[in-house]
Amino acid sequence: MLASVLKKVFGSKNERVLKSIQPLVAAINQLEPEIQKLDDASLVAKTVLFKERLAAGVPLDSLLPEAFAVCREAAWRVLGMRHFDVQLIGGIILHQGKIAEMKTGEGKTLAATLPVYLNALTGRGVHVVTVNDYLARRDAEWMGKLYRFLGLSVGSILHEMDDAARKEAYGSDITYGTNNEFGFDYLRDNMKFDLKDFCQREFHYAIVDEVDSILIDEARTPLIISGPAEMSTELYERADRIIPNFKVDEHYTLDEKARSVSLTEEGVALGEKLVGVDNLYDPRNIEWLH
């Protein structure tokens, strides 16, 4: 009862969040007539100006109204599409790292261009995560016209690409790809021995399309990767011949619930004797211990 009364007086949390965003929307709309007067060259030059202001220490959030206004005008000139207030709100929410739920037809793809453009100004890279290769290719080509007009580079990660092409795509200001491609590239990079061979760079900002599908439904299927073993199989064969000498409870304890085995002091002594080492826990003998 009390909660219902408070909600009527103060509004729901969602309503309060949307109300707090209205001043930003008003500021963007107020800038529109001024931005519309710029010619193409002056509009594109805004990107360079924004980057210079960021380099001088100006906070990214302070650029939001003007950057959104510039992106909105560029979208109209390049794509023939103008961001409505609902899309401005969606863009602000996404920039704040929150989930924006928009109905079909409200223009999620166009709304995402606003925070993508703003965060790409840092030069640290923006990832746009899609559910399939078709959308990654389509959106990179479609919205890429807008970003390229504004002086930003665009790349896409597709299944058939080699490491060189992937590294080039990740070096772009904006990179489109599926969650699987981003995930497997991360795993592959972590199996490499030299940072120079890494495809991805340090992570900065990402927008996930259909977040419920990717982070809930798809997350139930783990990404698993493997590589060639450097260790000879001979070690396993020798260990297999030694194992029958160990007796449960005397040389080792078995925890079936945790699926783990622990050697007792007698087991450690027997292991060192059979393997022919002084200390089974020496780092040089860690493979035997495993």
Protein backbone atom coordinates (compact mmCIF):
# COMPACT_ATOMS: atom_id res chain seq x y z
CA MET A 1 0.00 0.00 0.00
CA LEU A 2 2.74 2.44 1.05
CA ALA A 3 4.85 1.49 -1.97
CA SER A 4 1.90 2.18 -4.26
CA VAL A 5 1.34 5.62 -2.72
CA LEU A 6 5.06 6.51 -2.97
CA LYS A 7 5.10 5.40 -6.60
CA LYS A 8 2.16 7.69 -7.41
CA VAL A 9 3.85 10.64 -5.68
CA PHE A 10 7.45 10.19 -6.82
CA GLY A 11 6.98 7.95 -9.89
CA SER A 12 8.70 4.63 -10.61
CA LYS A 13 12.49 4.38 -10.77
CA ASN A 14 12.28 4.15 -14.56
CA GLU A 15 10.19 7.33 -14.71
CA ARG A 16 12.67 9.16 -12.46
CA VAL A 17 15.59 8.07 -14.65
CA LEU A 18 13.81 9.24 -17.80
CA LYS A 19 12.93 12.54 -16.12
CA SER A 20 16.58 13.12 -15.19
CA ILE A 21 17.56 12.65 -18.85
CA GLN A 22 15.13 15.26 -20.20
CA PRO A 23 17.53 18.23 -19.67
CA LEU A 24 20.11 16.47 -21.89
CA VAL A 25 17.48 15.82 -24.57
CA ALA A 26 16.45 19.49 -24.40
CA ALA A 27 20.10 20.59 -24.73
CA ILE A 28 20.58 18.41 -27.83
CA ASN A 29 17.41 19.75 -29.43
CA GLN A 30 18.46 23.32 -28.64
CA LEU A 31 21.72 22.80 -30.55
CA GLU A 32 19.98 21.40 -33.65
CA PRO A 33 19.31 24.73 -35.46
CA GLU A 34 22.95 25.78 -35.00
CA ILE A 35 24.32 22.44 -36.24
CA GLN A 36 21.97 22.46 -39.25
CA LYS A 37 23.60 25.67 -40.50
CA LEU A 38 27.02 23.98 -40.85
CA ASP A 39 28.17 22.77 -44.24
CA ASP A 40 29.50 19.22 -44.63
CA ALA A 41 33.14 20.20 -44.11
CA SER A 42 32.34 22.11 -40.91
CA LEU A 43 30.21 19.24 -39.64
CA VAL A 44 33.00 16.72 -40.22
CA ALA A 45 35.50 19.09 -38.59
CA LYS A 46 33.52 18.78 -35.36
CA THR A 47 34.97 15.28 -34.89
CA VAL A 48 38.52 16.67 -34.93
CA LEU A 49 37.47 19.43 -32.55
CA PHE A 50 35.90 16.95 -30.13
CA LYS A 51 39.07 14.84 -30.11
CA GLU A 52 41.20 17.91 -29.39
CA ARG A 53 38.95 18.85 -26.49
CA LEU A 54 39.21 15.32 -25.08
CA ALA A 55 43.00 15.45 -25.40
CA ALA A 56 42.95 18.74 -23.46
CA GLY A 57 41.24 16.97 -20.57
CA VAL A 58 37.60 17.82 -21.19
CA PRO A 59 35.34 15.03 -19.77
CA LEU A 60 33.60 12.87 -22.37
CA ASP A 61 30.18 13.42 -20.79
CA SER A 62 30.46 17.18 -21.31
CA LEU A 63 30.65 16.57 -25.07
CA LEU A 64 27.46 14.49 -25.13
CA PRO A 65 24.88 17.15 -26.16
CA GLU A 66 26.97 18.58 -29.00
CA ALA A 67 28.29 15.20 -30.18
CA PHE A 68 24.78 13.75 -30.25
CA ALA A 69 23.53 16.80 -32.18
CA VAL A 70 26.34 16.41 -34.73
CA CYS A 71 25.67 12.67 -35.14
CA ARG A 72 21.94 13.34 -35.54
CA GLU A 73 22.53 15.90 -38.31
CA ALA A 74 25.08 13.66 -40.05
CA ALA A 75 22.60 10.75 -39.99
CA TRP A 76 20.01 12.93 -41.68
CA ARG A 77 22.43 14.02 -44.40
CA VAL A 78 24.00 10.61 -45.04
CA LEU A 79 21.21 8.13 -44.27
CA GLY A 80 18.13 10.30 -44.58
CA MET A 81 17.23 9.34 -41.00
CA ARG A 82 16.78 11.73 -38.08
CA HIS A 83 16.98 10.67 -34.45
CA PHE A 84 13.73 11.33 -32.57
CA ASP A 85 13.66 12.14 -28.85
CA VAL A 86 13.01 8.49 -27.92
CA GLN A 87 16.20 7.54 -29.76
CA LEU A 88 18.14 10.31 -28.03
CA ILE A 89 16.95 8.90 -24.70
CA GLY A 90 17.97 5.39 -25.75
CA GLY A 91 21.40 6.65 -26.80
CA ILE A 92 21.97 8.42 -23.47
CA ILE A 93 20.93 5.31 -21.54
CA LEU A 94 23.36 3.15 -23.57
CA HIS A 95 26.18 5.65 -23.01
CA GLN A 96 25.56 5.39 -19.27
CA GLY A 97 26.13 1.62 -19.46
CA LYS A 98 22.51 0.72 -18.82
CA ILE A 99 20.06 -1.49 -20.69
CA ALA A 100 17.71 0.31 -23.09
CA GLU A 101 14.56 -1.61 -23.97
CA MET A 102 12.99 -0.28 -27.15
CA LYS A 103 10.03 -1.61 -29.09
CA THR A 104 10.34 -2.97 -32.61
CA GLY A 105 10.33 -0.05 -35.02
CA GLU A 106 11.64 2.52 -32.53
CA GLY A 107 15.05 2.44 -34.24
CA LYS A 108 17.48 0.64 -31.92
CA THR A 109 20.17 0.51 -34.61
CA LEU A 110 19.98 4.26 -35.23
CA ALA A 111 19.81 5.04 -31.50
CA ALA A 112 23.04 3.10 -30.92
CA THR A 113 24.96 5.31 -33.38
CA LEU A 114 24.87 8.17 -30.87
CA PRO A 115 26.83 6.55 -27.99
CA VAL A 116 28.99 4.65 -30.50
CA TYR A 117 30.08 7.93 -32.11
CA LEU A 118 30.62 9.65 -28.75
CA ASN A 119 32.75 6.86 -27.27
CA ALA A 120 34.69 6.30 -30.50
CA LEU A 121 35.99 9.87 -30.18
CA THR A 122 38.40 8.64 -27.50
CA GLY A 123 40.29 6.59 -30.11
CA ARG A 124 40.26 3.58 -27.80
CA GLY A 125 37.81 1.53 -29.85
CA VAL A 126 34.13 0.65 -29.62
CA HIS A 127 32.69 -2.85 -30.10
CA VAL A 128 29.16 -3.39 -31.35
CA VAL A 129 28.12 -6.96 -30.55
CA THR A 130 25.43 -8.52 -32.77
CA VAL A 131 23.75 -11.93 -32.77
CA ASN A 132 24.94 -13.13 -36.20
CA ASP A 133 27.37 -12.46 -39.05
CA TYR A 134 24.63 -11.08 -41.29
CA LEU A 135 23.80 -8.26 -38.86
CA ALA A 136 27.48 -7.54 -38.23
CA ARG A 137 28.11 -7.16 -41.97
CA ARG A 138 24.86 -5.28 -42.63
CA ASP A 139 25.20 -2.77 -39.80
CA ALA A 140 28.90 -2.17 -40.49
CA GLU A 141 28.05 -1.26 -44.09
CA TRP A 142 24.81 0.60 -43.32
CA MET A 143 25.83 2.65 -40.28
CA GLY A 144 29.44 2.69 -41.46
CA LYS A 145 28.47 5.33 -44.02
CA LEU A 146 27.57 7.64 -41.15
CA TYR A 147 30.76 7.01 -39.15
CA ARG A 148 33.04 7.32 -42.18
CA PHE A 149 31.36 10.60 -43.12
CA LEU A 150 32.27 11.86 -39.64
CA GLY A 151 35.91 10.77 -40.07
CA LEU A 152 35.87 7.51 -38.11
CA SER A 153 37.08 4.10 -39.28
CA VAL A 154 34.81 1.03 -39.22
CA GLY A 155 35.63 -2.70 -39.26
CA SER A 156 33.76 -5.96 -38.87
CA ILE A 157 34.85 -9.36 -37.57
CA LEU A 158 33.60 -12.20 -39.76
CA HIS A 159 34.11 -15.94 -39.41
CA GLU A 160 36.30 -16.41 -42.50
CA MET A 161 38.87 -13.72 -41.59
CA ASP A 162 42.52 -14.50 -40.74
CA ASP A 163 44.49 -12.93 -37.87
CA ALA A 164 45.88 -10.06 -39.97
CA ALA A 165 42.40 -9.02 -41.13
CA ARG A 166 41.03 -9.35 -37.59
CA LYS A 167 43.79 -7.21 -36.13
CA GLU A 168 43.09 -4.52 -38.71
CA ALA A 169 39.37 -4.61 -37.89
CA TYR A 170 40.04 -4.36 -34.15
CA GLY A 171 42.27 -1.37 -34.85
CA SER A 172 39.28 0.54 -36.25
CA ASP A 173 37.46 3.17 -34.22
CA ILE A 174 34.31 1.02 -34.38
CA THR A 175 34.24 -2.77 -34.75
CA TYR A 176 31.16 -4.89 -35.45
CA GLY A 177 31.03 -8.62 -34.75
CA THR A 178 29.16 -11.45 -33.06
CA ASN A 179 29.58 -12.43 -29.44
CA ASN A 180 31.16 -15.73 -30.52
CA GLU A 181 33.78 -14.03 -32.70
CA PHE A 182 34.72 -11.55 -29.96
CA GLY A 183 34.80 -14.35 -27.38
CA PHE A 184 36.90 -16.78 -29.40
CA ASP A 185 39.32 -14.03 -30.44
CA TYR A 186 39.82 -13.28 -26.74
CA LEU A 187 40.50 -16.95 -26.01
CA ARG A 188 42.86 -17.31 -28.99
CA ASP A 189 44.78 -14.19 -27.97
CA ASN A 190 45.29 -15.63 -24.49
CA MET A 191 46.92 -18.72 -26.00
CA LYS A 192 49.57 -16.60 -27.75
CA PHE A 193 52.99 -15.90 -26.29
CA ASP A 194 53.71 -12.45 -27.75
CA LEU A 195 51.54 -9.35 -27.32
CA LYS A 196 52.45 -8.37 -30.88
CA ASP A 197 50.46 -11.37 -32.12
CA PHE A 198 47.28 -10.33 -30.30
CA CYS A 199 44.33 -9.38 -32.53
CA GLN A 200 42.36 -7.49 -29.91
CA ARG A 201 43.49 -4.38 -28.08
CA GLU A 202 42.57 -3.16 -24.61
CA PHE A 203 38.80 -3.11 -24.10
CA HIS A 204 37.08 0.26 -23.73
CA TYR A 205 33.36 0.41 -24.59
CA ALA A 206 30.85 -2.00 -26.11
CA ILE A 207 27.18 -2.05 -27.04
CA VAL A 208 25.43 -5.43 -27.04
CA ASP A 209 22.45 -5.81 -29.35
CA GLU A 210 19.69 -8.14 -28.08
CA VAL A 211 21.47 -8.32 -24.74
CA ASP A 212 18.97 -10.78 -23.23
CA SER A 213 19.70 -13.30 -25.97
CA ILE A 214 23.49 -12.91 -25.84
CA LEU A 215 24.07 -12.64 -22.08
CA ILE A 216 21.36 -15.07 -20.94
CA ASP A 217 20.32 -17.53 -23.68
CA GLU A 218 23.65 -17.79 -25.51
CA ALA A 219 25.63 -17.66 -22.26
CA ARG A 220 24.41 -21.16 -21.43
CA THR A 221 26.70 -22.47 -24.17
CA PRO A 222 30.31 -21.96 -23.05
CA LEU A 223 33.06 -20.98 -25.49
CA ILE A 224 35.70 -23.71 -25.40
CA ILE A 225 39.00 -23.67 -27.26
CA SER A 226 42.01 -25.97 -27.22
CA GLY A 227 45.52 -26.03 -28.62
CA PRO A 228 48.28 -28.58 -29.24
CA ALA A 229 49.94 -29.89 -26.08
CA GLU A 230 53.66 -29.21 -25.74
CA MET A 231 54.18 -32.00 -23.23
CA SER A 232 55.05 -35.48 -24.49
CA THR A 233 52.46 -38.21 -23.98
CA GLU A 234 55.28 -40.42 -22.66
CA LEU A 235 54.90 -38.70 -19.27
CA TYR A 236 51.27 -39.84 -19.05
CA GLU A 237 52.25 -43.40 -19.98
CA ARG A 238 54.86 -43.52 -17.20
CA ALA A 239 52.40 -42.04 -14.70
CA ASP A 240 49.81 -44.64 -15.73
CA ARG A 241 52.26 -47.45 -14.86
CA ILE A 242 53.03 -45.91 -11.47
CA ILE A 243 49.44 -45.22 -10.30
CA PRO A 244 48.56 -48.89 -9.40
CA ASN A 245 51.17 -48.72 -6.60
CA PHE A 246 49.10 -46.17 -4.68
CA LYS A 247 46.42 -47.33 -2.24
CA VAL A 248 43.40 -45.26 -1.24
CA ASP A 249 43.45 -43.85 2.32
CA GLU A 250 47.06 -44.97 2.75
CA HIS A 251 48.72 -43.02 -0.04
CA TYR A 252 45.91 -40.66 -1.04
CA THR A 253 42.47 -39.46 0.00
CA LEU A 254 39.55 -39.26 -2.39
CA ASP A 255 36.88 -36.55 -2.27
CA GLU A 256 34.16 -37.76 -4.63
CA LYS A 257 31.96 -34.69 -4.15
CA ALA A 258 34.75 -32.26 -5.10
CA ARG A 259 36.18 -34.78 -7.57
CA SER A 260 39.67 -34.30 -6.17
CA VAL A 261 42.53 -36.45 -4.95
CA SER A 262 45.08 -35.43 -2.30
CA LEU A 263 48.32 -37.27 -1.57
CA THR A 264 49.12 -38.20 2.03
CA GLU A 265 52.67 -37.91 3.40
CA GLU A 266 53.16 -41.61 2.66
CA GLY A 267 51.85 -41.02 -0.86
CA VAL A 268 54.26 -38.14 -1.45
CA ALA A 269 57.18 -40.27 -0.24
CA LEU A 270 56.14 -43.18 -2.47
CA GLY A 271 55.69 -40.87 -5.45
CA GLU A 272 59.16 -39.36 -5.01
CA LYS A 273 60.64 -42.85 -4.77
CA LEU A 274 58.88 -44.19 -7.88
CA VAL A 275 59.54 -41.09 -9.99
CA GLY A 276 63.10 -40.70 -8.77
CA VAL A 277 63.00 -37.12 -7.50
CA ASP A 278 63.90 -35.54 -4.16
CA ASN A 279 60.92 -33.18 -3.93
CA LEU A 280 57.67 -33.82 -5.79
CA TYR A 281 56.53 -30.26 -5.05
CA ASP A 282 59.56 -28.64 -6.64
CA PRO A 283 58.39 -26.39 -9.54
CA ARG A 284 60.52 -28.50 -11.89
CA ASN A 285 58.44 -31.56 -11.00
CA ILE A 286 55.02 -29.90 -11.08
CA GLU A 287 54.01 -31.85 -14.20
CA TRP A 288 54.54 -35.12 -12.32
CA LEU A 289 52.39 -33.82 -9.47
CA HIS A 290 49.55 -32.96 -11.82
